[in-house]
C-alpha cells in the first residue's frame, strides 16, 4: 500500500512518472510544514501559502534530493527557508517592533488553580490547548520555530539545526531559553501535550492537496490516509 512506503521509495516512484503519489508525501508532512511555517509567521493563511510554495518548490527540485539527509528534513528546510524569507522581507518594509517585555514574562496560567484531574478538566482541555499555543506564539521568532520542531514535532537537535540553518549549539541554547520562558508548569497545568498544538486537520489537508495538485497540473487521485 502506498501510504506504507518509505519516503525515498515514494520519491523514486514520483520521479519515475507516478506524479499522483506526491500526495502521499504531502499528507505525511502537511502537519509538520504547517506547524513550522505558522510558528515563524504567526499567520494561518500565510502559513498555508508557504506550504503550497514549499511543495511546488520540492516538486520542481525533487530530482536534486540526493538522500544525504532525510526527505522530511529536506522538505521542512524548504518550508522554513520560505517562511523566514518572508519574515525578512516583511521586516524591511515595516517599522521595528515594540521592544517592551512580552506578556510571556507573566505566568499565563497564574489565574488557573492546579488540581487533580476531574470532569471539568476535559471540558477545559480545548481552552488550555489554545493557551499553550498562545504561549508558544508569544515567544520570539527564533525561539518559536525551535520549540515547534524540537518539542512539538519531536525532531532531533541536528535535524532542527539543518531545517533552520543553525548550529546545533544555537538550537540547544534557544531551546533552553524558550523552555524557561514557557515554564514547565504551563505544560503541567494545561493538562495537554505539546504534540497537540497547531493541528492541521483533515479538511484543511484535503484543501491544500487539491490546491497544490492544481498548481502542478497533476491528476486528482483518491485520498491516501
Protein backbone atom coordinates (compact mmCIF):
# COMPACT_ATOMS: atom_id res chain seq x y z
CA UNK A 1 0.00 0.00 0.00
CA UNK A 2 1.39 3.41 -1.00
CA UNK A 3 0.85 5.00 2.41
CA UNK A 4 3.24 2.46 3.94
CA UNK A 5 6.09 3.20 1.53
CA UNK A 6 9.23 4.89 2.82
CA UNK A 7 9.74 8.48 1.70
CA UNK A 8 12.63 7.54 -0.56
CA UNK A 9 10.52 4.89 -2.31
CA UNK A 10 7.74 7.39 -2.90
CA UNK A 11 10.21 9.95 -4.27
CA UNK A 12 11.68 7.36 -6.63
CA UNK A 13 8.24 6.42 -7.96
CA UNK A 14 7.24 10.05 -8.39
CA UNK A 15 10.44 10.71 -10.33
CA UNK A 16 9.68 7.61 -12.43
CA UNK A 17 6.42 9.18 -13.55
CA UNK A 18 3.84 8.36 -10.88
CA UNK A 19 3.15 12.00 -10.01
CA UNK A 20 -0.09 11.24 -8.17
CA UNK A 21 1.96 9.63 -5.40
CA UNK A 22 3.22 13.08 -4.45
CA UNK A 23 0.00 13.27 -2.44
CA UNK A 24 1.40 10.64 -0.05
CA UNK A 25 4.28 12.92 0.83
CA UNK A 26 2.02 15.93 1.21
CA UNK A 27 -0.39 14.21 3.57
CA UNK A 28 2.54 12.76 5.51
CA UNK A 29 4.11 16.17 6.17
CA UNK A 30 1.28 18.71 5.97
CA UNK A 31 1.08 18.95 9.74
CA UNK A 32 4.81 19.48 10.21
CA UNK A 33 5.08 22.10 7.48
CA UNK A 34 2.03 23.93 8.80
CA UNK A 35 3.46 23.99 12.31
CA UNK A 36 6.88 25.26 11.31
CA UNK A 37 5.51 27.88 8.90
CA UNK A 38 2.94 29.10 11.39
CA UNK A 39 5.50 29.23 14.19
CA UNK A 40 7.64 31.56 12.09
CA UNK A 41 4.88 33.69 10.56
CA UNK A 42 2.12 33.56 13.21
CA UNK A 43 -0.48 33.73 10.44
CA UNK A 44 -2.59 30.74 9.37
CA UNK A 45 -3.36 31.91 5.84
CA UNK A 46 0.25 32.83 5.09
CA UNK A 47 1.42 29.55 6.61
CA UNK A 48 -0.77 27.64 4.16
CA UNK A 49 0.58 29.78 1.32
CA UNK A 50 4.11 28.88 2.41
CA UNK A 51 3.15 25.22 2.44
CA UNK A 52 1.89 25.40 -1.13
CA UNK A 53 5.03 27.19 -2.26
CA UNK A 54 7.24 24.68 -0.44
CA UNK A 55 5.53 21.74 -2.17
CA UNK A 56 5.78 23.43 -5.56
CA UNK A 57 9.49 24.05 -4.99
CA UNK A 58 10.00 20.49 -3.74
CA UNK A 59 8.28 19.14 -6.85
CA UNK A 60 10.42 21.32 -9.11
CA UNK A 61 13.66 20.22 -7.42
CA UNK A 62 12.75 16.65 -6.48
CA UNK A 63 15.46 15.32 -8.75
CA UNK A 64 18.02 17.20 -6.66
CA UNK A 65 17.08 15.33 -3.50
CA UNK A 66 20.16 13.21 -3.05
CA UNK A 67 19.24 11.30 0.09
CA UNK A 68 22.09 12.81 2.10
CA UNK A 69 19.52 13.93 4.68
CA UNK A 70 16.05 12.61 5.41
CA UNK A 71 13.43 13.66 2.90
CA UNK A 72 11.38 15.09 5.77
CA UNK A 73 14.32 17.29 6.81
CA UNK A 74 14.91 18.41 3.22
CA UNK A 75 11.24 19.31 2.78
CA UNK A 76 10.98 21.07 6.15
CA UNK A 77 14.06 23.11 5.33
CA UNK A 78 12.41 24.34 2.12
CA UNK A 79 9.32 25.46 4.04
CA UNK A 80 11.34 27.09 6.83
CA UNK A 81 13.51 28.94 4.29
CA UNK A 82 10.43 30.25 2.51
CA UNK A 83 8.81 31.39 5.77
CA UNK A 84 11.98 33.03 7.11
CA UNK A 85 12.45 34.79 3.79
CA UNK A 86 9.00 36.31 4.14
CA UNK A 87 9.82 37.47 7.66
CA UNK A 88 12.99 39.17 6.42
CA UNK A 89 11.16 40.86 3.56
CA UNK A 90 8.41 41.98 5.93
CA UNK A 91 10.99 43.42 8.35
CA UNK A 92 12.44 45.57 5.57
CA UNK A 93 9.01 47.03 4.85
CA UNK A 94 7.73 47.50 8.39
CA UNK A 95 8.93 49.65 11.33
CA UNK A 96 10.83 47.91 14.16
CA UNK A 97 8.54 46.01 16.54
CA UNK A 98 7.74 47.22 20.04
CA UNK A 99 10.61 46.10 22.28
CA UNK A 100 8.66 46.23 25.53
CA UNK A 101 8.69 42.99 27.60
CA UNK A 102 6.37 40.38 26.19
CA UNK A 103 3.33 39.08 28.02
CA UNK A 104 5.05 35.69 28.23
CA UNK A 105 7.12 37.03 31.12
CA UNK A 106 3.95 36.84 33.21
CA UNK A 107 2.64 33.39 34.01
CA UNK A 108 -0.38 32.99 31.70
CA UNK A 109 -1.65 30.23 33.98
CA UNK A 110 -1.45 32.29 37.19
CA UNK A 111 -5.24 32.52 37.46
CA UNK A 112 -5.80 28.82 36.87
CA UNK A 113 -5.60 26.74 40.03
CA UNK A 114 -3.87 23.40 39.80
CA UNK A 115 -6.00 20.45 40.80
CA UNK A 116 -6.27 16.73 40.39
CA UNK A 117 -7.94 15.58 37.15
CA UNK A 118 -11.72 15.80 37.41
CA UNK A 119 -14.65 16.02 35.00
CA UNK A 120 -14.01 19.73 34.49
CA UNK A 121 -10.51 19.00 33.22
CA UNK A 122 -11.80 17.53 29.99
CA UNK A 123 -14.13 20.47 29.48
CA UNK A 124 -11.17 22.85 29.82
CA UNK A 125 -8.97 20.80 27.52
CA UNK A 126 -9.57 22.82 24.35
CA UNK A 127 -9.09 26.17 26.08
CA UNK A 128 -5.90 25.06 27.77
CA UNK A 129 -4.51 23.80 24.48
CA UNK A 130 -5.19 27.21 22.98
CA UNK A 131 -3.42 28.75 25.96
CA UNK A 132 -0.39 26.58 25.26
CA UNK A 133 -0.43 27.63 21.62
CA UNK A 134 -0.72 31.27 22.67
CA UNK A 135 2.26 30.89 25.00
CA UNK A 136 4.35 29.42 22.19
CA UNK A 137 3.29 32.20 19.82
CA UNK A 138 4.39 34.81 22.37
CA UNK A 139 7.98 33.58 22.13
CA UNK A 140 10.50 35.48 19.98
CA UNK A 141 10.57 34.31 16.36
CA UNK A 142 13.84 32.37 16.62
CA UNK A 143 12.62 30.50 19.68
CA UNK A 144 9.19 29.58 18.32
CA UNK A 145 10.48 27.55 15.39
CA UNK A 146 12.97 25.69 17.58
CA UNK A 147 10.29 24.79 20.14
CA UNK A 148 7.87 23.65 17.46
CA UNK A 149 10.40 21.45 15.69
CA UNK A 150 12.00 20.01 18.85
CA UNK A 151 9.13 19.78 21.33
CA UNK A 152 6.03 19.67 19.13
CA UNK A 153 7.32 17.71 16.12
CA UNK A 154 9.95 15.78 18.08
CA UNK A 155 12.88 16.37 15.72
CA UNK A 156 16.41 15.84 16.99
CA UNK A 157 18.78 18.73 17.64
CA UNK A 158 20.76 18.09 14.46
CA UNK A 159 17.60 17.80 12.32
CA UNK A 160 16.28 21.06 13.76
CA UNK A 161 19.61 22.76 13.10
CA UNK A 162 19.57 21.50 9.50
CA UNK A 163 15.98 22.67 8.90
CA UNK A 164 16.59 26.17 10.28
CA UNK A 165 20.15 26.68 9.06
CA UNK A 166 21.53 26.95 12.62
CA UNK A 167 24.43 25.42 14.52
CA UNK A 168 23.48 22.67 16.96
CA UNK A 169 24.72 24.68 19.93
CA UNK A 170 22.48 27.57 18.86
CA UNK A 171 19.49 25.22 18.76
CA UNK A 172 20.29 23.96 22.26
CA UNK A 173 20.66 27.50 23.62
CA UNK A 174 17.42 28.73 22.06
CA UNK A 175 15.51 25.68 23.23
CA UNK A 176 16.78 26.09 26.79
CA UNK A 177 15.76 29.74 26.88
CA UNK A 178 12.40 29.07 25.23
CA UNK A 179 11.55 26.37 27.74
CA UNK A 180 12.45 28.72 30.56
CA UNK A 181 10.06 31.31 29.14
CA UNK A 182 7.26 28.85 28.67
CA UNK A 183 7.85 27.34 32.10
CA UNK A 184 7.37 23.68 32.73
CA UNK A 185 4.43 24.49 34.99
CA UNK A 186 2.49 25.74 31.97
CA UNK A 187 2.62 22.31 30.35
CA UNK A 188 1.74 20.53 33.61
CA UNK A 189 -1.21 22.78 34.47
CA UNK A 190 -2.52 22.81 30.92
CA UNK A 191 -3.01 19.07 31.05
CA UNK A 192 -2.22 18.71 27.35
CA UNK A 193 0.86 17.62 25.48
CA UNK A 194 2.74 19.90 23.10
CA UNK A 195 2.13 17.42 20.27
CA UNK A 196 -1.48 18.61 20.20
CA UNK A 197 -0.59 22.20 19.35
CA UNK A 198 -1.32 23.70 15.91
CA UNK A 199 -3.03 20.66 14.42
CA UNK A 200 -3.61 20.63 10.65
CA UNK A 201 -6.89 18.77 10.32
CA UNK A 202 -8.08 16.52 7.51
CA UNK A 203 -10.40 19.02 5.78
CA UNK A 204 -7.58 21.57 5.55
CA UNK A 205 -5.25 18.81 4.41
CA UNK A 206 -7.64 17.90 1.58
CA UNK A 207 -7.93 21.53 0.50
CA UNK A 208 -4.17 22.06 0.45
CA UNK A 209 -3.52 18.86 -1.51
CA UNK A 210 -6.11 19.90 -4.10
CA UNK A 211 -4.62 23.39 -4.43
CA UNK A 212 -1.07 22.10 -4.94
CA UNK A 213 -2.17 19.40 -7.41
CA UNK A 214 -3.99 22.10 -9.39
CA UNK A 215 -0.86 24.27 -9.46
CA UNK A 216 1.22 21.30 -10.61
CA UNK A 217 -1.43 20.19 -13.14
CA UNK A 218 -1.46 16.70 -11.63
CA UNK A 219 -4.49 14.39 -11.95
CA UNK A 220 -6.65 14.08 -8.87
CA UNK A 221 -6.43 10.80 -7.04
CA UNK A 222 -8.35 9.11 -4.22
CA UNK A 223 -7.26 10.44 -0.82
CA UNK A 224 -4.43 8.44 0.74
CA UNK A 225 -4.71 8.17 4.51
